[in-house]
């Protein structure tokens, strides 16, 4: 067991290995205003990004496209269900209380 009173053993740290990649200079230098990736690379990555975007939730056309709008649209059905279940009982109890106030104070 290591006690706090014992000195820490020193182990010489070696630097982490550096990953090496083979680099071949471009056949032609990239000119100013030219795309930084080739059309083939752009098409390959576009396909993967399109697949990812199909998995994401799309905002409704009438939505503002913000996170707040997305949350609002997701909560709307839950709020509707809660109101359908609880609003009649809440309204009935408030109306009954008001009727009781009116009938008790009117006497």
PDB file of N, CA and C in Angstrom:
ATOM      1  N   UNK A   1       0.849  -1.166   0.000  1.00  0.00           N
ATOM      2  CA  UNK A   1       0.000   0.000   0.000  1.00  0.00           C
ATOM      3  C   UNK A   1       0.898   1.233   0.000  1.00  0.00           C
ATOM      4  N   UNK A   2       0.548   2.215  -0.755  1.00  0.00           N
ATOM      5  CA  UNK A   2       1.335   3.442  -0.865  1.00  0.00           C
ATOM      6  C   UNK A   2       0.863   4.413   0.201  1.00  0.00           C
ATOM      7  N   UNK A   3       1.769   4.873   0.998  1.00  0.00           N
ATOM      8  CA  UNK A   3       1.456   5.853   2.026  1.00  0.00           C
ATOM      9  C   UNK A   3       1.847   7.233   1.507  1.00  0.00           C
ATOM     10  N   UNK A   4       1.186   8.235   2.015  1.00  0.00           N
ATOM     11  CA  UNK A   4       1.492   9.599   1.589  1.00  0.00           C
ATOM     12  C   UNK A   4       2.873  10.041   2.046  1.00  0.00           C
ATOM     13  N   UNK A   5       3.432   9.368   3.024  1.00  0.00           N
ATOM     14  CA  UNK A   5       4.761   9.739   3.512  1.00  0.00           C
ATOM     15  C   UNK A   5       5.871   9.175   2.625  1.00  0.00           C
ATOM     16  N   UNK A   6       5.546   8.192   1.780  1.00  0.00           N
ATOM     17  CA  UNK A   6       6.551   7.634   0.882  1.00  0.00           C
ATOM     18  C   UNK A   6       6.744   8.539  -0.332  1.00  0.00           C
ATOM     19  N   UNK A   7       7.978   8.680  -0.761  1.00  0.00           N
ATOM     20  CA  UNK A   7       8.199   9.505  -1.958  1.00  0.00           C
ATOM     21  C   UNK A   7       7.663   8.797  -3.200  1.00  0.00           C
ATOM     22  N   UNK A   8       7.241   9.596  -4.150  1.00  0.00           N
ATOM     23  CA  UNK A   8       6.735   9.067  -5.414  1.00  0.00           C
ATOM     24  C   UNK A   8       7.894   8.514  -6.224  1.00  0.00           C
ATOM     25  N   UNK A   9       7.761   7.343  -6.786  1.00  0.00           N
ATOM     26  CA  UNK A   9       8.827   6.830  -7.642  1.00  0.00           C
ATOM     27  C   UNK A   9       8.863   7.649  -8.933  1.00  0.00           C
ATOM     28  N   UNK A  10      10.049   7.920  -9.382  1.00  0.00           N
ATOM     29  CA  UNK A  10      10.183   8.706 -10.606  1.00  0.00           C
ATOM     30  C   UNK A  10      10.436   7.772 -11.770  1.00  0.00           C
ATOM     31  N   UNK A  11       9.633   7.954 -12.782  1.00  0.00           N
ATOM     32  CA  UNK A  11       9.774   7.171 -13.998  1.00  0.00           C
ATOM     33  C   UNK A  11      10.000   8.171 -15.119  1.00  0.00           C
ATOM     34  N   UNK A  12      11.075   8.026 -15.851  1.00  0.00           N
ATOM     35  CA  UNK A  12      11.289   8.977 -16.936  1.00  0.00           C
ATOM     36  C   UNK A  12      10.166   8.841 -17.959  1.00  0.00           C
ATOM     37  N   UNK A  13       9.569   9.982 -18.270  1.00  0.00           N
ATOM     38  CA  UNK A  13       8.466   9.973 -19.223  1.00  0.00           C
ATOM     39  C   UNK A  13       9.021  10.085 -20.630  1.00  0.00           C
ATOM     40  N   UNK A  14       8.533   9.221 -21.460  1.00  0.00           N
ATOM     41  CA  UNK A  14       8.930   9.333 -22.860  1.00  0.00           C
ATOM     42  C   UNK A  14       7.825  10.092 -23.594  1.00  0.00           C
ATOM     43  N   UNK A  15       8.181  10.852 -24.580  1.00  0.00           N
ATOM     44  CA  UNK A  15       7.151  11.606 -25.300  1.00  0.00           C
ATOM     45  C   UNK A  15       6.212  10.644 -26.019  1.00  0.00           C
ATOM     46  N   UNK A  16       4.954  11.046 -26.170  1.00  0.00           N
ATOM     47  CA  UNK A  16       4.006  10.162 -26.851  1.00  0.00           C
ATOM     48  C   UNK A  16       4.441   9.955 -28.297  1.00  0.00           C
ATOM     49  N   UNK A  17       4.128   8.788 -28.828  1.00  0.00           N
ATOM     50  CA  UNK A  17       4.530   8.550 -30.211  1.00  0.00           C
ATOM     51  C   UNK A  17       3.798   9.486 -31.153  1.00  0.00           C
ATOM     52  N   UNK A  18       4.508   9.934 -32.144  1.00  0.00           N
ATOM     53  CA  UNK A  18       3.941  10.857 -33.117  1.00  0.00           C
ATOM     54  C   UNK A  18       3.498  10.047 -34.326  1.00  0.00           C
ATOM     55  N   UNK A  19       2.251  10.258 -34.704  1.00  0.00           N
ATOM     56  CA  UNK A  19       1.743   9.552 -35.872  1.00  0.00           C
ATOM     57  C   UNK A  19       2.346  10.180 -37.119  1.00  0.00           C
ATOM     58  N   UNK A  20       2.832   9.341 -37.957  1.00  0.00           N
ATOM     59  CA  UNK A  20       3.402   9.851 -39.195  1.00  0.00           C
ATOM     60  C   UNK A  20       2.502   9.443 -40.342  1.00  0.00           C
ATOM     61  N   UNK A  21       2.335  10.327 -41.259  1.00  0.00           N
ATOM     62  CA  UNK A  21       1.523  10.061 -42.434  1.00  0.00           C
ATOM     63  C   UNK A  21       2.373  10.332 -43.657  1.00  0.00           C
ATOM     64  N   UNK A  22       2.113   9.548 -44.647  1.00  0.00           N
ATOM     65  CA  UNK A  22       2.862   9.804 -45.867  1.00  0.00           C
ATOM     66  C   UNK A  22       2.242  11.006 -46.558  1.00  0.00           C
ATOM     67  N   UNK A  23       3.060  11.879 -47.037  1.00  0.00           N
ATOM     68  CA  UNK A  23       2.596  13.101 -47.666  1.00  0.00           C
ATOM     69  C   UNK A  23       3.226  13.200 -49.038  1.00  0.00           C
ATOM     70  N   UNK A  24       2.379  13.309 -49.989  1.00  0.00           N
ATOM     71  CA  UNK A  24       2.875  13.512 -51.347  1.00  0.00           C
ATOM     72  C   UNK A  24       2.458  14.912 -51.773  1.00  0.00           C
ATOM     73  N   UNK A  25       3.373  15.703 -52.260  1.00  0.00           N
ATOM     74  CA  UNK A  25       3.007  17.052 -52.682  1.00  0.00           C
ATOM     75  C   UNK A  25       2.012  16.985 -53.840  1.00  0.00           C
ATOM     76  N   UNK A  26       1.129  17.977 -53.926  1.00  0.00           N
ATOM     77  CA  UNK A  26       0.135  17.958 -55.000  1.00  0.00           C
ATOM     78  C   UNK A  26       0.812  18.014 -56.367  1.00  0.00           C
ATOM     79  N   UNK A  27       0.116  17.385 -57.309  1.00  0.00           N
ATOM     80  CA  UNK A  27       0.663  17.391 -58.665  1.00  0.00           C
ATOM     81  C   UNK A  27       0.707  18.806 -59.219  1.00  0.00           C
ATOM     82  N   UNK A  28      -0.335  19.567 -58.920  1.00  0.00           N
ATOM     83  CA  UNK A  28      -0.376  20.958 -59.358  1.00  0.00           C
ATOM     84  C   UNK A  28      -0.663  21.806 -58.120  1.00  0.00           C
ATOM     85  N   UNK A  29      -0.045  22.963 -58.022  1.00  0.00           N
ATOM     86  CA  UNK A  29      -0.325  23.808 -56.865  1.00  0.00           C
ATOM     87  C   UNK A  29      -1.763  24.330 -56.922  1.00  0.00           C
ATOM     88  N   UNK A  30      -2.340  24.532 -55.730  1.00  0.00           N
ATOM     89  CA  UNK A  30      -3.705  25.058 -55.650  1.00  0.00           C
ATOM     90  C   UNK A  30      -3.657  26.550 -55.925  1.00  0.00           C
ATOM     91  N   UNK A  31      -4.488  26.954 -56.862  1.00  0.00           N
ATOM     92  CA  UNK A  31      -4.529  28.373 -57.214  1.00  0.00           C
ATOM     93  C   UNK A  31      -5.504  29.107 -56.317  1.00  0.00           C
ATOM     94  N   UNK A  32      -5.313  30.387 -56.186  1.00  0.00           N
ATOM     95  CA  UNK A  32      -6.177  31.223 -55.358  1.00  0.00           C
ATOM     96  C   UNK A  32      -7.608  31.159 -55.904  1.00  0.00           C
ATOM     97  N   UNK A  33      -8.572  30.984 -55.006  1.00  0.00           N
ATOM     98  CA  UNK A  33      -9.974  30.903 -55.398  1.00  0.00           C
ATOM     99  C   UNK A  33     -10.420  29.500 -55.763  1.00  0.00           C
ATOM    100  N   UNK A  34      -9.506  28.547 -55.859  1.00  0.00           N
ATOM    101  CA  UNK A  34      -9.836  27.167 -56.186  1.00  0.00           C
ATOM    102  C   UNK A  34     -10.273  26.448 -54.907  1.00  0.00           C
ATOM    103  N   UNK A  35     -11.167  25.482 -55.034  1.00  0.00           N
ATOM    104  CA  UNK A  35     -11.660  24.731 -53.872  1.00  0.00           C
ATOM    105  C   UNK A  35     -10.510  23.985 -53.215  1.00  0.00           C
ATOM    106  N   UNK A  36     -10.576  23.859 -51.899  1.00  0.00           N
ATOM    107  CA  UNK A  36      -9.497  23.216 -51.155  1.00  0.00           C
ATOM    108  C   UNK A  36      -9.585  21.693 -51.236  1.00  0.00           C
ATOM    109  N   UNK A  37     -10.778  21.152 -51.566  1.00  0.00           N
ATOM    110  CA  UNK A  37     -10.922  19.710 -51.733  1.00  0.00           C
ATOM    111  C   UNK A  37     -11.342  19.427 -53.172  1.00  0.00           C
ATOM    112  N   UNK A  38     -11.047  18.227 -53.620  1.00  0.00           N
ATOM    113  CA  UNK A  38     -11.411  17.858 -54.986  1.00  0.00           C
ATOM    114  C   UNK A  38     -12.913  17.601 -55.066  1.00  0.00           C
ATOM    115  N   UNK A  39     -13.444  17.594 -56.255  1.00  0.00           N
ATOM    116  CA  UNK A  39     -14.871  17.340 -56.458  1.00  0.00           C
ATOM    117  C   UNK A  39     -15.235  15.942 -55.976  1.00  0.00           C
ATOM    118  N   UNK A  40     -14.343  14.972 -56.181  1.00  0.00           N
ATOM    119  CA  UNK A  40     -14.585  13.593 -55.746  1.00  0.00           C
ATOM    120  C   UNK A  40     -14.721  13.528 -54.225  1.00  0.00           C
ATOM    121  N   UNK A  41     -13.834  14.221 -53.505  1.00  0.00           N
ATOM    122  CA  UNK A  41     -13.901  14.246 -52.043  1.00  0.00           C
ATOM    123  C   UNK A  41     -15.163  14.957 -51.578  1.00  0.00           C
ATOM    124  N   UNK A  42     -15.504  16.057 -52.227  1.00  0.00           N
ATOM    125  CA  UNK A  42     -16.713  16.799 -51.858  1.00  0.00           C
ATOM    126  C   UNK A  42     -17.956  15.947 -52.055  1.00  0.00           C
ATOM    127  N   UNK A  43     -18.021  15.206 -53.168  1.00  0.00           N
ATOM    128  CA  UNK A  43     -19.187  14.352 -53.417  1.00  0.00           C
ATOM    129  C   UNK A  43     -19.285  13.230 -52.386  1.00  0.00           C
ATOM    130  N   UNK A  44     -18.145  12.635 -52.029  1.00  0.00           N
ATOM    131  CA  UNK A  44     -18.149  11.547 -51.049  1.00  0.00           C
ATOM    132  C   UNK A  44     -18.615  12.036 -49.682  1.00  0.00           C
ATOM    133  N   UNK A  45     -18.124  13.178 -49.253  1.00  0.00           N
ATOM    134  CA  UNK A  45     -18.528  13.696 -47.941  1.00  0.00           C
ATOM    135  C   UNK A  45     -19.951  14.212 -47.971  1.00  0.00           C
ATOM    136  N   UNK A  46     -20.394  14.750 -49.084  1.00  0.00           N
ATOM    137  CA  UNK A  46     -21.764  15.245 -49.189  1.00  0.00           C
ATOM    138  C   UNK A  46     -22.744  14.100 -49.004  1.00  0.00           C
ATOM    139  N   UNK A  47     -22.433  12.927 -49.562  1.00  0.00           N
ATOM    140  CA  UNK A  47     -23.319  11.777 -49.410  1.00  0.00           C
ATOM    141  C   UNK A  47     -23.457  11.357 -47.955  1.00  0.00           C
ATOM    142  N   UNK A  48     -22.346  11.342 -47.240  1.00  0.00           N
ATOM    143  CA  UNK A  48     -22.390  10.970 -45.824  1.00  0.00           C
ATOM    144  C   UNK A  48     -23.156  12.013 -45.012  1.00  0.00           C
ATOM    145  N   UNK A  49     -22.945  13.283 -45.319  1.00  0.00           N
ATOM    146  CA  UNK A  49     -23.653  14.337 -44.587  1.00  0.00           C
ATOM    147  C   UNK A  49     -25.138  14.343 -44.912  1.00  0.00           C
ATOM    148  N   UNK A  50     -25.496  14.022 -46.146  1.00  0.00           N
ATOM    149  CA  UNK A  50     -26.914  13.923 -46.504  1.00  0.00           C
ATOM    150  C   UNK A  50     -27.588  12.800 -45.724  1.00  0.00           C
ATOM    151  N   UNK A  51     -26.895  11.665 -45.583  1.00  0.00           N
ATOM    152  CA  UNK A  51     -27.456  10.555 -44.811  1.00  0.00           C
ATOM    153  C   UNK A  51     -27.664  10.957 -43.361  1.00  0.00           C
ATOM    154  N   UNK A  52     -26.712  11.704 -42.809  1.00  0.00           N
ATOM    155  CA  UNK A  52     -26.840  12.159 -41.432  1.00  0.00           C
ATOM    156  C   UNK A  52     -27.992  13.142 -41.296  1.00  0.00           C
ATOM    157  N   UNK A  53     -28.131  14.049 -42.226  1.00  0.00           N
ATOM    158  CA  UNK A  53     -29.187  15.054 -42.118  1.00  0.00           C
ATOM    159  C   UNK A  53     -30.573  14.431 -42.233  1.00  0.00           C
ATOM    160  N   UNK A  54     -30.704  13.309 -42.936  1.00  0.00           N
ATOM    161  CA  UNK A  54     -31.998  12.637 -43.011  1.00  0.00           C
ATOM    162  C   UNK A  54     -32.395  12.036 -41.665  1.00  0.00           C
ATOM    163  N   UNK A  55     -31.406  11.756 -40.804  1.00  0.00           N
ATOM    164  CA  UNK A  55     -31.701  11.199 -39.489  1.00  0.00           C
ATOM    165  C   UNK A  55     -32.137  12.267 -38.500  1.00  0.00           C
ATOM    166  N   UNK A  56     -31.790  13.513 -38.754  1.00  0.00           N
ATOM    167  CA  UNK A  56     -32.099  14.594 -37.828  1.00  0.00           C
ATOM    168  C   UNK A  56     -33.542  15.022 -37.977  1.00  0.00           C
ATOM    169  N   UNK A  57     -34.072  15.640 -36.929  1.00  0.00           N
ATOM    170  CA  UNK A  57     -35.440  16.130 -36.943  1.00  0.00           C
ATOM    171  C   UNK A  57     -35.506  17.372 -37.815  1.00  0.00           C
ATOM    172  N   UNK A  58     -36.425  17.369 -38.744  1.00  0.00           N
ATOM    173  CA  UNK A  58     -36.614  18.517 -39.617  1.00  0.00           C
ATOM    174  C   UNK A  58     -37.671  19.437 -38.994  1.00  0.00           C
ATOM    175  N   UNK A  59     -37.431  20.741 -38.978  1.00  0.00           N
ATOM    176  CA  UNK A  59     -38.453  21.640 -38.445  1.00  0.00           C
ATOM    177  C   UNK A  59     -39.649  21.717 -39.390  1.00  0.00           C
ATOM    178  N   UNK A  60     -40.798  21.940 -38.818  1.00  0.00           N
ATOM    179  CA  UNK A  60     -42.005  22.106 -39.611  1.00  0.00           C
ATOM    180  C   UNK A  60     -41.869  23.370 -40.454  1.00  0.00           C
ATOM    181  N   UNK A  61     -42.555  23.429 -41.593  1.00  0.00           N
ATOM    182  CA  UNK A  61     -42.437  24.623 -42.438  1.00  0.00           C
ATOM    183  C   UNK A  61     -42.840  25.916 -41.728  1.00  0.00           C
ATOM    184  N   UNK A  62     -43.817  25.838 -40.831  1.00  0.00           N
ATOM    185  CA  UNK A  62     -44.243  27.054 -40.128  1.00  0.00           C
ATOM    186  C   UNK A  62     -43.371  27.361 -38.913  1.00  0.00           C
ATOM    187  N   UNK A  63     -42.423  26.449 -38.588  1.00  0.00           N
ATOM    188  CA  UNK A  63     -41.530  26.657 -37.454  1.00  0.00           C
ATOM    189  C   UNK A  63     -40.456  27.666 -37.815  1.00  0.00           C
ATOM    190  N   UNK A  64     -39.924  28.327 -36.797  1.00  0.00           N
ATOM    191  CA  UNK A  64     -38.884  29.324 -37.046  1.00  0.00           C
ATOM    192  C   UNK A  64     -37.503  28.698 -37.190  1.00  0.00           C
ATOM    193  N   UNK A  65     -37.351  27.379 -36.970  1.00  0.00           N
ATOM    194  CA  UNK A  65     -36.094  26.685 -37.172  1.00  0.00           C
ATOM    195  C   UNK A  65     -35.103  26.822 -36.033  1.00  0.00           C
ATOM    196  N   UNK A  66     -35.477  27.494 -34.942  1.00  0.00           N
ATOM    197  CA  UNK A  66     -34.573  27.633 -33.805  1.00  0.00           C
ATOM    198  C   UNK A  66     -34.768  26.469 -32.851  1.00  0.00           C
ATOM    199  N   UNK A  67     -33.840  26.327 -31.916  1.00  0.00           N
ATOM    200  CA  UNK A  67     -33.961  25.281 -30.899  1.00  0.00           C
ATOM    201  C   UNK A  67     -35.216  25.514 -30.063  1.00  0.00           C
ATOM    202  N   UNK A  68     -35.480  26.765 -29.741  1.00  0.00           N
ATOM    203  CA  UNK A  68     -36.681  27.090 -28.968  1.00  0.00           C
ATOM    204  C   UNK A  68     -37.934  26.665 -29.729  1.00  0.00           C
ATOM    205  N   UNK A  69     -37.968  26.922 -31.021  1.00  0.00           N
ATOM    206  CA  UNK A  69     -39.113  26.525 -31.837  1.00  0.00           C
ATOM    207  C   UNK A  69     -39.261  25.025 -31.910  1.00  0.00           C
ATOM    208  N   UNK A  70     -38.141  24.324 -32.021  1.00  0.00           N
ATOM    209  CA  UNK A  70     -38.160  22.868 -32.065  1.00  0.00           C
ATOM    210  C   UNK A  70     -38.692  22.296 -30.758  1.00  0.00           C
ATOM    211  N   UNK A  71     -38.232  22.832 -29.632  1.00  0.00           N
ATOM    212  CA  UNK A  71     -38.713  22.370 -28.322  1.00  0.00           C
ATOM    213  C   UNK A  71     -40.202  22.671 -28.177  1.00  0.00           C
ATOM    214  N   UNK A  72     -40.612  23.858 -28.624  1.00  0.00           N
ATOM    215  CA  UNK A  72     -42.025  24.230 -28.542  1.00  0.00           C
ATOM    216  C   UNK A  72     -42.882  23.236 -29.323  1.00  0.00           C
ATOM    217  N   UNK A  73     -42.449  22.878 -30.525  1.00  0.00           N
ATOM    218  CA  UNK A  73     -43.209  21.943 -31.344  1.00  0.00           C
ATOM    219  C   UNK A  73     -43.219  20.543 -30.738  1.00  0.00           C
ATOM    220  N   UNK A  74     -42.130  20.149 -30.074  1.00  0.00           N
ATOM    221  CA  UNK A  74     -42.085  18.831 -29.445  1.00  0.00           C
ATOM    222  C   UNK A  74     -42.960  18.788 -28.195  1.00  0.00           C
ATOM    223  N   UNK A  75     -43.057  19.893 -27.471  1.00  0.00           N
ATOM    224  CA  UNK A  75     -43.839  19.919 -26.239  1.00  0.00           C
ATOM    225  C   UNK A  75     -45.334  20.098 -26.490  1.00  0.00           C
ATOM    226  N   UNK A  76     -45.693  20.641 -27.640  1.00  0.00           N
ATOM    227  CA  UNK A  76     -47.098  20.928 -27.929  1.00  0.00           C
ATOM    228  C   UNK A  76     -48.000  19.707 -27.749  1.00  0.00           C
ATOM    229  N   UNK A  77     -47.685  18.530 -28.299  1.00  0.00           N
ATOM    230  CA  UNK A  77     -48.571  17.371 -28.083  1.00  0.00           C
ATOM    231  C   UNK A  77     -48.641  16.932 -26.618  1.00  0.00           C
ATOM    232  N   UNK A  78     -47.522  17.018 -25.905  1.00  0.00           N
ATOM    233  CA  UNK A  78     -47.548  16.637 -24.485  1.00  0.00           C
ATOM    234  C   UNK A  78     -48.409  17.610 -23.683  1.00  0.00           C
ATOM    235  N   UNK A  79     -48.295  18.891 -23.989  1.00  0.00           N
ATOM    236  CA  UNK A  79     -49.105  19.892 -23.298  1.00  0.00           C
ATOM    237  C   UNK A  79     -50.584  19.688 -23.612  1.00  0.00           C
ATOM    238  N   UNK A  80     -50.898  19.386 -24.866  1.00  0.00           N
ATOM    239  CA  UNK A  80     -52.287  19.148 -25.254  1.00  0.00           C
ATOM    240  C   UNK A  80     -52.862  17.971 -24.466  1.00  0.00           C
ATOM    241  N   UNK A  81     -52.099  16.877 -24.362  1.00  0.00           N
ATOM    242  CA  UNK A  81     -52.581  15.714 -23.605  1.00  0.00           C
ATOM    243  C   UNK A  81     -52.805  16.054 -22.140  1.00  0.00           C
ATOM    244  N   UNK A  82     -51.872  16.813 -21.551  1.00  0.00           N
ATOM    245  CA  UNK A  82     -52.002  17.181 -20.149  1.00  0.00           C
ATOM    246  C   UNK A  82     -53.225  18.064 -19.942  1.00  0.00           C
ATOM    247  N   UNK A  83     -53.402  19.047 -20.833  1.00  0.00           N
ATOM    248  CA  UNK A  83     -54.566  19.928 -20.709  1.00  0.00           C
ATOM    249  C   UNK A  83     -55.865  19.160 -20.894  1.00  0.00           C
ATOM    250  N   UNK A  84     -55.907  18.240 -21.847  1.00  0.00           N
ATOM    251  CA  UNK A  84     -57.119  17.430 -22.044  1.00  0.00           C
ATOM    252  C   UNK A  84     -57.455  16.630 -20.797  1.00  0.00           C
ATOM    253  N   UNK A  85     -56.443  16.152 -20.095  1.00  0.00           N
ATOM    254  CA  UNK A  85     -56.676  15.348 -18.900  1.00  0.00           C
ATOM    255  C   UNK A  85     -57.005  16.182 -17.668  1.00  0.00           C
ATOM    256  N   UNK A  86     -56.400  17.352 -17.524  1.00  0.00           N
ATOM    257  CA  UNK A  86     -56.488  18.083 -16.266  1.00  0.00           C
ATOM    258  C   UNK A  86     -57.298  19.379 -16.309  1.00  0.00           C
ATOM    259  N   UNK A  87     -57.430  20.009 -17.452  1.00  0.00           N
ATOM    260  CA  UNK A  87     -58.097  21.309 -17.499  1.00  0.00           C
ATOM    261  C   UNK A  87     -59.558  21.259 -17.059  1.00  0.00           C
ATOM    262  N   UNK A  88     -60.358  20.277 -17.490  1.00  0.00           N
ATOM    263  CA  UNK A  88     -61.749  20.262 -17.026  1.00  0.00           C
ATOM    264  C   UNK A  88     -61.872  20.219 -15.500  1.00  0.00           C
ATOM    265  N   UNK A  89     -61.038  19.416 -14.849  1.00  0.00           N
ATOM    266  CA  UNK A  89     -61.088  19.301 -13.386  1.00  0.00           C
ATOM    267  C   UNK A  89     -60.674  20.623 -12.748  1.00  0.00           C
ATOM    268  N   UNK A  90     -59.651  21.264 -13.286  1.00  0.00           N
ATOM    269  CA  UNK A  90     -59.186  22.537 -12.740  1.00  0.00           C
ATOM    270  C   UNK A  90     -60.266  23.605 -12.877  1.00  0.00           C
ATOM    271  N   UNK A  91     -60.874  23.689 -14.071  1.00  0.00           N
ATOM    272  CA  UNK A  91     -61.917  24.695 -14.298  1.00  0.00           C
ATOM    273  C   UNK A  91     -63.117  24.435 -13.400  1.00  0.00           C
ATOM    274  N   UNK A  92     -63.536  23.191 -13.278  1.00  0.00           N
ATOM    275  CA  UNK A  92     -64.681  22.865 -12.418  1.00  0.00           C
ATOM    276  C   UNK A  92     -64.413  23.254 -10.966  1.00  0.00           C
ATOM    277  N   UNK A  93     -63.214  22.977 -10.473  1.00  0.00           N
ATOM    278  CA  UNK A  93     -62.930  23.308  -9.075  1.00  0.00           C
ATOM    279  C   UNK A  93     -62.872  24.825  -8.873  1.00  0.00           C
ATOM    280  N   UNK A  94     -62.338  25.556  -9.822  1.00  0.00           N
ATOM    281  CA  UNK A  94     -62.271  27.021  -9.688  1.00  0.00           C
ATOM    282  C   UNK A  94     -63.676  27.615  -9.760  1.00  0.00           C
ATOM    283  N   UNK A  95     -64.493  27.123 -10.687  1.00  0.00           N
ATOM    284  CA  UNK A  95     -65.868  27.621 -10.797  1.00  0.00           C
ATOM    285  C   UNK A  95     -66.648  27.288  -9.535  1.00  0.00           C
ATOM    286  N   UNK A  96     -66.484  26.092  -9.015  1.00  0.00           N
ATOM    287  CA  UNK A  96     -67.189  25.719  -7.785  1.00  0.00           C
ATOM    288  C   UNK A  96     -66.762  26.605  -6.628  1.00  0.00           C
ATOM    289  N   UNK A  97     -65.476  26.918  -6.538  1.00  0.00           N
ATOM    290  CA  UNK A  97     -64.983  27.789  -5.470  1.00  0.00           C
ATOM    291  C   UNK A  97     -65.567  29.201  -5.603  1.00  0.00           C
ATOM    292  N   UNK A  98     -65.622  29.712  -6.829  1.00  0.00           N
ATOM    293  CA  UNK A  98     -66.180  31.049  -7.036  1.00  0.00           C
ATOM    294  C   UNK A  98     -67.675  31.077  -6.733  1.00  0.00           C
ATOM    295  N   UNK A  99     -68.373  30.036  -7.127  1.00  0.00           N
ATOM    296  CA  UNK A  99     -69.804  29.957  -6.823  1.00  0.00           C
ATOM    297  C   UNK A  99     -70.008  29.911  -5.317  1.00  0.00           C
ATOM    298  N   UNK A 100     -69.148  29.157  -4.611  1.00  0.00           N
ATOM    299  CA  UNK A 100     -69.248  29.076  -3.163  1.00  0.00           C
ATOM    300  C   UNK A 100     -68.991  30.458  -2.536  1.00  0.00           C
ATOM    301  N   UNK A 101     -68.061  31.213  -3.052  1.00  0.00           N
ATOM    302  CA  UNK A 101     -67.778  32.552  -2.525  1.00  0.00           C
ATOM    303  C   UNK A 101     -68.980  33.455  -2.731  1.00  0.00           C
ATOM    304  N   UNK A 102     -69.561  33.391  -3.930  1.00  0.00           N
ATOM    305  CA  UNK A 102     -70.696  34.254  -4.238  1.00  0.00           C
ATOM    306  C   UNK A 102     -71.901  33.902  -3.372  1.00  0.00           C
ATOM    307  N   UNK A 103     -72.177  32.623  -3.231  1.00  0.00           N
ATOM    308  CA  UNK A 103     -73.367  32.219  -2.454  1.00  0.00           C
ATOM    309  C   UNK A 103     -73.159  32.442  -0.963  1.00  0.00           C
ATOM    310  N   UNK A 104     -71.959  32.324  -0.450  1.00  0.00           N
ATOM    311  CA  UNK A 104     -71.703  32.534   0.981  1.00  0.00           C
ATOM    312  C   UNK A 104     -71.676  34.012   1.318  1.00  0.00           C
ATOM    313  N   UNK A 105     -71.134  34.858   0.465  1.00  0.00           N
ATOM    314  CA  UNK A 105     -71.042  36.281   0.768  1.00  0.00           C
ATOM    315  C   UNK A 105     -72.344  36.996   0.493  1.00  0.00           C
ATOM    316  N   UNK A 106     -73.187  36.420  -0.341  1.00  0.00           N
ATOM    317  CA  UNK A 106     -74.461  37.057  -0.678  1.00  0.00           C
ATOM    318  C   UNK A 106     -75.461  36.908   0.423  1.00  0.00           C
ATOM    319  N   UNK A 107     -75.290  36.078   1.398  1.00  0.00           N
ATOM    320  CA  UNK A 107     -76.268  35.840   2.468  1.00  0.00           C
ATOM    321  C   UNK A 107     -76.082  36.751   3.606  1.00  0.00           C
TER     322      UNK A 107
END
